[in-house]
C-alpha atoms as a PDB file:
ATOM      1  CA  MET A   1      -8.223  11.489 -21.625  1.00  0.00           C
ATOM      2  CA  HIS A   2      -5.690   9.179 -23.244  1.00  0.00           C
ATOM      3  CA  LYS A   3      -3.354  12.009 -24.295  1.00  0.00           C
ATOM      4  CA  THR A   4      -3.187  13.286 -20.718  1.00  0.00           C
ATOM      5  CA  LEU A   5      -2.386   9.800 -19.432  1.00  0.00           C
ATOM      6  CA  LEU A   6       0.424   9.314 -21.950  1.00  0.00           C
ATOM      7  CA  ASN A   7       2.423  11.976 -20.135  1.00  0.00           C
ATOM      8  CA  HIS A   8       2.134  10.152 -16.803  1.00  0.00           C
ATOM      9  CA  ILE A   9       2.851   6.470 -17.472  1.00  0.00           C
ATOM     10  CA  PRO A  10       5.851   4.561 -18.829  1.00  0.00           C
ATOM     11  CA  PRO A  11       5.703   4.463 -22.666  1.00  0.00           C
ATOM     12  CA  LYS A  12       5.712   0.648 -22.830  1.00  0.00           C
ATOM     13  CA  ALA A  13       2.583   0.540 -20.637  1.00  0.00           C
ATOM     14  CA  VAL A  14       0.469   2.791 -22.873  1.00  0.00           C
ATOM     15  CA  ASN A  15      -1.235   0.217 -25.142  1.00  0.00           C
ATOM     16  CA  GLN A  16      -2.142  -2.083 -22.250  1.00  0.00           C
ATOM     17  CA  VAL A  17      -3.537   0.823 -20.212  1.00  0.00           C
ATOM     18  CA  ILE A  18      -5.619   2.099 -23.140  1.00  0.00           C
ATOM     19  CA  SER A  19      -7.145  -1.371 -23.578  1.00  0.00           C
ATOM     20  CA  LEU A  20      -8.060  -1.456 -19.861  1.00  0.00           C
ATOM     21  CA  LEU A  21      -9.701   1.968 -20.128  1.00  0.00           C
ATOM     22  CA  ASN A  22     -11.696   1.110 -23.248  1.00  0.00           C
ATOM     23  CA  HIS A  23     -15.050   1.316 -21.478  1.00  0.00           C
ATOM     24  CA  ASP A  24     -17.798   3.865 -22.149  1.00  0.00           C
ATOM     25  CA  GLN A  25     -18.816   4.123 -18.511  1.00  0.00           C
ATOM     26  CA  LEU A  26     -15.309   4.869 -17.134  1.00  0.00           C
ATOM     27  CA  THR A  27     -13.484   8.212 -17.098  1.00  0.00           C
ATOM     28  CA  VAL A  28     -10.066   9.075 -15.687  1.00  0.00           C
ATOM     29  CA  LYS A  29      -9.177  12.546 -14.448  1.00  0.00           C
ATOM     30  CA  VAL A  30      -5.693  13.727 -13.526  1.00  0.00           C
ATOM     31  CA  LYS A  31      -5.925  16.045 -10.498  1.00  0.00           C
ATOM     32  CA  SER A  32      -3.636  18.417  -8.663  1.00  0.00           C
ATOM     33  CA  GLU A  33      -1.990  16.927  -5.566  1.00  0.00           C
ATOM     34  CA  ARG A  34      -4.148  15.717  -2.689  1.00  0.00           C
ATOM     35  CA  LYS A  35      -2.249  15.115   0.526  1.00  0.00           C
ATOM     36  CA  THR A  36      -4.309  12.200   1.805  1.00  0.00           C
ATOM     37  CA  ARG A  37      -4.410   9.947  -1.274  1.00  0.00           C
ATOM     38  CA  HIS A  38      -2.729   9.187  -4.592  1.00  0.00           C
ATOM     39  CA  GLY A  39      -5.983   8.414  -6.392  1.00  0.00           C
ATOM     40  CA  ASP A  40      -9.545   7.227  -5.979  1.00  0.00           C
ATOM     41  CA  TYR A  41     -12.407   5.391  -7.662  1.00  0.00           C
ATOM     42  CA  ARG A  42     -16.071   6.384  -7.539  1.00  0.00           C
ATOM     43  CA  ASN A  43     -19.270   4.788  -8.719  1.00  0.00           C
ATOM     44  CA  LEU A  44     -21.228   7.928  -9.674  1.00  0.00           C
ATOM     45  CA  PRO A  45     -25.015   8.354  -9.169  1.00  0.00           C
ATOM     46  CA  ASN A  46     -25.561   8.548 -12.963  1.00  0.00           C
ATOM     47  CA  GLY A  47     -24.253   4.975 -13.410  1.00  0.00           C
ATOM     48  CA  LYS A  48     -20.850   6.063 -14.719  1.00  0.00           C
ATOM     49  CA  HIS A  49     -17.538   5.388 -13.003  1.00  0.00           C
ATOM     50  CA  GLN A  50     -14.694   7.829 -12.364  1.00  0.00           C
ATOM     51  CA  ILE A  51     -11.051   7.433 -11.433  1.00  0.00           C
ATOM     52  CA  THR A  52      -8.914  10.365 -10.297  1.00  0.00           C
ATOM     53  CA  ILE A  53      -5.113  10.255 -10.006  1.00  0.00           C
ATOM     54  CA  ASN A  54      -2.715  12.871  -8.617  1.00  0.00           C
ATOM     55  CA  ALA A  55      -0.693  14.571 -11.361  1.00  0.00           C
ATOM     56  CA  ASN A  56       2.442  14.905  -9.203  1.00  0.00           C
ATOM     57  CA  LEU A  57       3.183  11.149  -8.980  1.00  0.00           C
ATOM     58  CA  ASN A  58       6.236   9.768 -10.762  1.00  0.00           C
ATOM     59  CA  THR A  59       5.416   7.535 -13.757  1.00  0.00           C
ATOM     60  CA  TYR A  60       5.837   4.258 -11.846  1.00  0.00           C
ATOM     61  CA  ARG A  61       3.730   5.295  -8.850  1.00  0.00           C
ATOM     62  CA  PHE A  62       1.148   6.792 -11.234  1.00  0.00           C
ATOM     63  CA  LEU A  63       0.852   3.484 -13.120  1.00  0.00           C
ATOM     64  CA  ILE A  64       0.522   1.439  -9.911  1.00  0.00           C
ATOM     65  CA  THR A  65      -2.128   3.857  -8.600  1.00  0.00           C
ATOM     66  CA  LEU A  66      -4.031   3.830 -11.900  1.00  0.00           C
ATOM     67  CA  ILE A  67      -4.143   0.007 -12.002  1.00  0.00           C
ATOM     68  CA  HIS A  68      -5.133  -0.014  -8.296  1.00  0.00           C
ATOM     69  CA  GLU A  69      -8.159   2.162  -9.127  1.00  0.00           C
ATOM     70  CA  ILE A  70      -9.036   0.260 -12.332  1.00  0.00           C
ATOM     71  CA  ALA A  71      -9.058  -2.874 -10.140  1.00  0.00           C
ATOM     72  CA  HIS A  72     -11.771  -1.257  -7.988  1.00  0.00           C
ATOM     73  CA  PHE A  73     -13.850  -0.668 -11.133  1.00  0.00           C
ATOM     74  CA  GLU A  74     -13.281  -4.209 -12.462  1.00  0.00           C
ATOM     75  CA  ALA A  75     -14.020  -5.800  -9.061  1.00  0.00           C
ATOM     76  CA  TYR A  76     -17.240  -3.783  -8.827  1.00  0.00           C
ATOM     77  CA  LYS A  77     -18.288  -4.939 -12.317  1.00  0.00           C
ATOM     78  CA  SER A  78     -17.465  -8.582 -11.592  1.00  0.00           C
ATOM     79  CA  PHE A  79     -18.568  -8.985  -7.971  1.00  0.00           C
ATOM     80  CA  GLY A  80     -21.022  -6.143  -7.255  1.00  0.00           C
ATOM     81  CA  LYS A  81     -21.102  -3.357  -4.720  1.00  0.00           C
ATOM     82  CA  ASN A  82     -21.221  -5.447  -1.533  1.00  0.00           C
ATOM     83  CA  ILE A  83     -17.548  -6.455  -1.546  1.00  0.00           C
ATOM     84  CA  LYS A  84     -14.959  -4.947   0.807  1.00  0.00           C
ATOM     85  CA  PRO A  85     -13.044  -2.088  -0.869  1.00  0.00           C
ATOM     86  CA  HIS A  86      -9.676  -3.854  -0.468  1.00  0.00           C
ATOM     87  CA  GLY A  87     -10.948  -7.394   0.091  1.00  0.00           C
ATOM     88  CA  LYS A  88      -9.985 -10.604  -1.680  1.00  0.00           C
ATOM     89  CA  GLU A  89     -11.966  -9.784  -4.853  1.00  0.00           C
ATOM     90  CA  TRP A  90     -10.099  -6.508  -5.279  1.00  0.00           C
ATOM     91  CA  LYS A  91      -6.733  -8.105  -4.401  1.00  0.00           C
ATOM     92  CA  HIS A  92      -7.158 -10.851  -7.021  1.00  0.00           C
ATOM     93  CA  THR A  93      -8.303  -8.333  -9.632  1.00  0.00           C
ATOM     94  CA  PHE A  94      -5.379  -5.996  -8.873  1.00  0.00           C
ATOM     95  CA  GLN A  95      -2.897  -8.883  -9.114  1.00  0.00           C
ATOM     96  CA  ARG A  96      -4.360 -10.040 -12.451  1.00  0.00           C
ATOM     97  CA  LEU A  97      -4.386  -6.541 -13.967  1.00  0.00           C
ATOM     98  CA  MET A  98      -0.892  -5.686 -12.736  1.00  0.00           C
ATOM     99  CA  LEU A  99       0.834  -8.875 -13.892  1.00  0.00           C
ATOM    100  CA  PRO A 100       1.334  -7.848 -17.571  1.00  0.00           C
ATOM    101  CA  PHE A 101       3.130  -4.672 -16.434  1.00  0.00           C
ATOM    102  CA  LEU A 102       5.645  -6.424 -14.166  1.00  0.00           C
ATOM    103  CA  ASN A 103       8.469  -6.629 -16.681  1.00  0.00           C
ATOM    104  CA  PRO A 104      11.701  -4.710 -17.409  1.00  0.00           C
ATOM    105  CA  GLN A 105      10.174  -2.900 -20.398  1.00  0.00           C
ATOM    106  CA  VAL A 106       7.804  -1.062 -18.032  1.00  0.00           C
ATOM    107  CA  PHE A 107       9.564  -0.933 -14.631  1.00  0.00           C
ATOM    108  CA  PRO A 108      13.275  -0.566 -13.792  1.00  0.00           C
ATOM    109  CA  MET A 109      14.951  -3.815 -12.743  1.00  0.00           C
ATOM    110  CA  ALA A 110      15.540  -2.422  -9.235  1.00  0.00           C
ATOM    111  CA  LEU A 111      11.776  -2.185  -8.649  1.00  0.00           C
ATOM    112  CA  LEU A 112      10.714  -5.575 -10.036  1.00  0.00           C
ATOM    113  CA  PRO A 113      11.643  -7.800  -7.037  1.00  0.00           C
ATOM    114  CA  LEU A 114       9.922  -5.360  -4.657  1.00  0.00           C
ATOM    115  CA  LEU A 115       6.820  -5.242  -6.860  1.00  0.00           C
ATOM    116  CA  ALA A 116       6.736  -9.035  -7.151  1.00  0.00           C
ATOM    117  CA  LYS A 117       6.838  -9.326  -3.352  1.00  0.00           C
ATOM    118  CA  HIS A 118       4.213  -6.591  -2.871  1.00  0.00           C
ATOM    119  CA  PHE A 119       1.768  -8.167  -5.327  1.00  0.00           C
ATOM    120  CA  LYS A 120       1.762 -11.528  -3.566  1.00  0.00           C
ATOM    121  CA  ASN A 121      -0.685  -9.818  -1.191  1.00  0.00           C
ATOM    122  CA  PRO A 122      -1.296  -6.187  -2.249  1.00  0.00           C
ATOM    123  CA  LYS A 123      -2.295  -3.748   0.473  1.00  0.00           C
ATOM    124  CA  ALA A 124      -4.788  -0.874   0.351  1.00  0.00           C
ATOM    125  CA  SER A 125      -1.834   1.470  -0.227  1.00  0.00           C
ATOM    126  CA  SER A 126       1.641   0.786  -1.602  1.00  0.00           C
ATOM    127  CA  ASP A 127       2.824   3.368   0.956  1.00  0.00           C
ATOM    128  CA  THR A 128       2.419   0.795   3.742  1.00  0.00           C
ATOM    129  CA  ASP A 129       5.136  -1.305   2.075  1.00  0.00           C
ATOM    130  CA  THR A 130       8.228   0.483   3.431  1.00  0.00           C
ATOM    131  CA  ALA A 131      10.747  -1.011   1.009  1.00  0.00           C
ATOM    132  CA  LEU A 132       8.579  -0.386  -2.071  1.00  0.00           C
ATOM    133  CA  ALA A 133       7.630   3.152  -1.000  1.00  0.00           C
ATOM    134  CA  TRP A 134      11.303   4.015  -0.463  1.00  0.00           C
ATOM    135  CA  ALA A 135      12.297   2.549  -3.834  1.00  0.00           C
ATOM    136  CA  LEU A 136       9.503   4.412  -5.648  1.00  0.00           C
ATOM    137  CA  LYS A 137      10.504   7.669  -3.945  1.00  0.00           C
ATOM    138  CA  GLN A 138      13.885   7.496  -5.688  1.00  0.00           C
ATOM    139  CA  PHE A 139      12.091   8.319  -8.960  1.00  0.00           C
ATOM    140  CA  ASP A 140      10.322  11.419  -7.586  1.00  0.00           C
ATOM    141  CA  GLN A 141      11.316  14.941  -8.528  1.00  0.00           C
ATOM    142  CA  PRO A 142      13.630  16.411  -5.861  1.00  0.00           C
ATOM    143  CA  ASN A 143      11.625  17.896  -2.982  1.00  0.00           C
ATOM    144  CA  ASP A 144      12.004  18.842   0.679  1.00  0.00           C
ATOM    145  CA  LYS A 145       9.988  15.864   1.929  1.00  0.00           C
ATOM    146  CA  THR A 146      11.411  13.107   4.131  1.00  0.00           C
ATOM    147  CA  PHE A 147       9.906   9.845   5.321  1.00  0.00           C
ATOM    148  CA  VAL A 148       9.262   9.613   9.073  1.00  0.00           C
ATOM    149  CA  PHE A 149      11.577   6.585   9.326  1.00  0.00           C
ATOM    150  CA  GLU A 150      14.446   8.796   8.038  1.00  0.00           C
ATOM    151  CA  VAL A 151      13.893  11.485  10.684  1.00  0.00           C
ATOM    152  CA  PRO A 152      16.458  11.282  13.525  1.00  0.00           C
ATOM    153  CA  LEU A 153      15.110  10.351  16.969  1.00  0.00           C
ATOM    154  CA  GLY A 154      14.101  13.495  18.879  1.00  0.00           C
ATOM    155  CA  GLN A 155      14.056  15.666  15.740  1.00  0.00           C
ATOM    156  CA  ASN A 156      11.079  17.922  15.030  1.00  0.00           C
ATOM    157  CA  PHE A 157       9.173  17.680  11.753  1.00  0.00           C
ATOM    158  CA  LYS A 158       6.013  19.217  10.347  1.00  0.00           C
ATOM    159  CA  LEU A 159       3.096  17.982   8.269  1.00  0.00           C
ATOM    160  CA  TYR A 160       1.489  19.634   5.238  1.00  0.00           C
ATOM    161  CA  ASN A 161      -1.041  21.248   7.625  1.00  0.00           C
ATOM    162  CA  GLY A 162       1.737  22.993   9.582  1.00  0.00           C
ATOM    163  CA  LYS A 163       1.481  20.878  12.771  1.00  0.00           C
ATOM    164  CA  VAL A 164       4.880  20.166  14.342  1.00  0.00           C
ATOM    165  CA  PHE A 165       5.823  16.838  15.970  1.00  0.00           C
ATOM    166  CA  LYS A 166       8.845  15.383  17.747  1.00  0.00           C
ATOM    167  CA  LYS A 167       9.847  11.900  16.640  1.00  0.00           C
ATOM    168  CA  GLY A 168       9.974   9.219  19.317  1.00  0.00           C
ATOM    169  CA  GLU A 169      10.650   5.497  19.500  1.00  0.00           C
ATOM    170  CA  LYS A 170       9.277   2.904  17.110  1.00  0.00           C
ATOM    171  CA  ARG A 171       6.482   0.682  18.315  1.00  0.00           C
ATOM    172  CA  VAL A 172       5.877  -2.560  16.441  1.00  0.00           C
ATOM    173  CA  LYS A 173       5.294  -0.945  13.039  1.00  0.00           C
ATOM    174  CA  ARG A 174       4.754   2.772  13.661  1.00  0.00           C
ATOM    175  CA  TYR A 175       6.598   5.625  15.350  1.00  0.00           C
ATOM    176  CA  GLU A 176       5.392   7.393  18.484  1.00  0.00           C
ATOM    177  CA  CYS A 177       5.526  11.138  17.830  1.00  0.00           C
ATOM    178  CA  VAL A 178       4.435  13.940  20.147  1.00  0.00           C
ATOM    179  CA  GLU A 179       2.624  16.973  18.794  1.00  0.00           C
ATOM    180  CA  VAL A 180       4.714  19.873  20.114  1.00  0.00           C
ATOM    181  CA  ALA A 181       1.807  22.318  20.637  1.00  0.00           C
ATOM    182  CA  SER A 182      -0.547  19.962  22.518  1.00  0.00           C
ATOM    183  CA  GLY A 183       1.728  17.265  23.962  1.00  0.00           C
ATOM    184  CA  LYS A 184      -0.570  14.594  22.475  1.00  0.00           C
ATOM    185  CA  LEU A 185       0.953  11.310  21.321  1.00  0.00           C
ATOM    186  CA  TYR A 186       0.347  10.120  17.741  1.00  0.00           C
ATOM    187  CA  LEU A 187       1.464   7.025  15.827  1.00  0.00           C
ATOM    188  CA  PHE A 188       3.009   7.605  12.392  1.00  0.00           C
ATOM    189  CA  ASN A 189       3.403   5.219   9.488  1.00  0.00           C
ATOM    190  CA  PRO A 190       7.159   4.960   8.687  1.00  0.00           C
ATOM    191  CA  ASN A 191       6.408   6.148   5.131  1.00  0.00           C
ATOM    192  CA  ALA A 192       4.510   9.308   6.063  1.00  0.00           C
ATOM    193  CA  GLU A 193       6.101  12.176   4.149  1.00  0.00           C
ATOM    194  CA  VAL A 194       7.079  15.099   6.362  1.00  0.00           C
ATOM    195  CA  GLU A 195       9.298  18.174   6.361  1.00  0.00           C
ATOM    196  CA  LEU A 196      12.202  18.521   8.786  1.00  0.00           C
ATOM    197  CA  VAL A 197      12.127  21.515  11.161  1.00  0.00           C
ATOM    198  CA  ASN A 198      15.439  23.003  12.335  1.00  0.00           C
END
């Protein structure tokens, strides 16, 4: 497990991550890309715990996602199963676990102020933090994906499932987009990754 992880996280984070994963009941699996999540945590029926992380994440997003999921495990151990998945117990645990990594040996200087701001009150997904998601995207391998907020008004785009939408105006936080085939209106997170359609 540890050798696989070494390929996915910043080198200066390795020792700290290994110490966090030094638990007999916890396994980490690196998976092929899932469109709906970066990673997840499960309390298995046999009493063991499993974390899965998408292999296609850049090293910085992978590390944030891994610590996010370890925080679920640690919060479960400390506070039991009746806590909210992304409630105050998880938030405090995530902040505590992430703090040692928030330094220029692990993350580029450009990301540190955004991470510091994000971890004052971490959300269920770093993707909901527009500035942080955009900054993290700069470290991705080149691809044909675009964030919804980058799509010009009135331009068509498609999702991973092939559905095509036309971008409309921004409501308070999300964009109104019309599905071309059905005419139905949907609200999109600004950081949803889509593909432009000519």
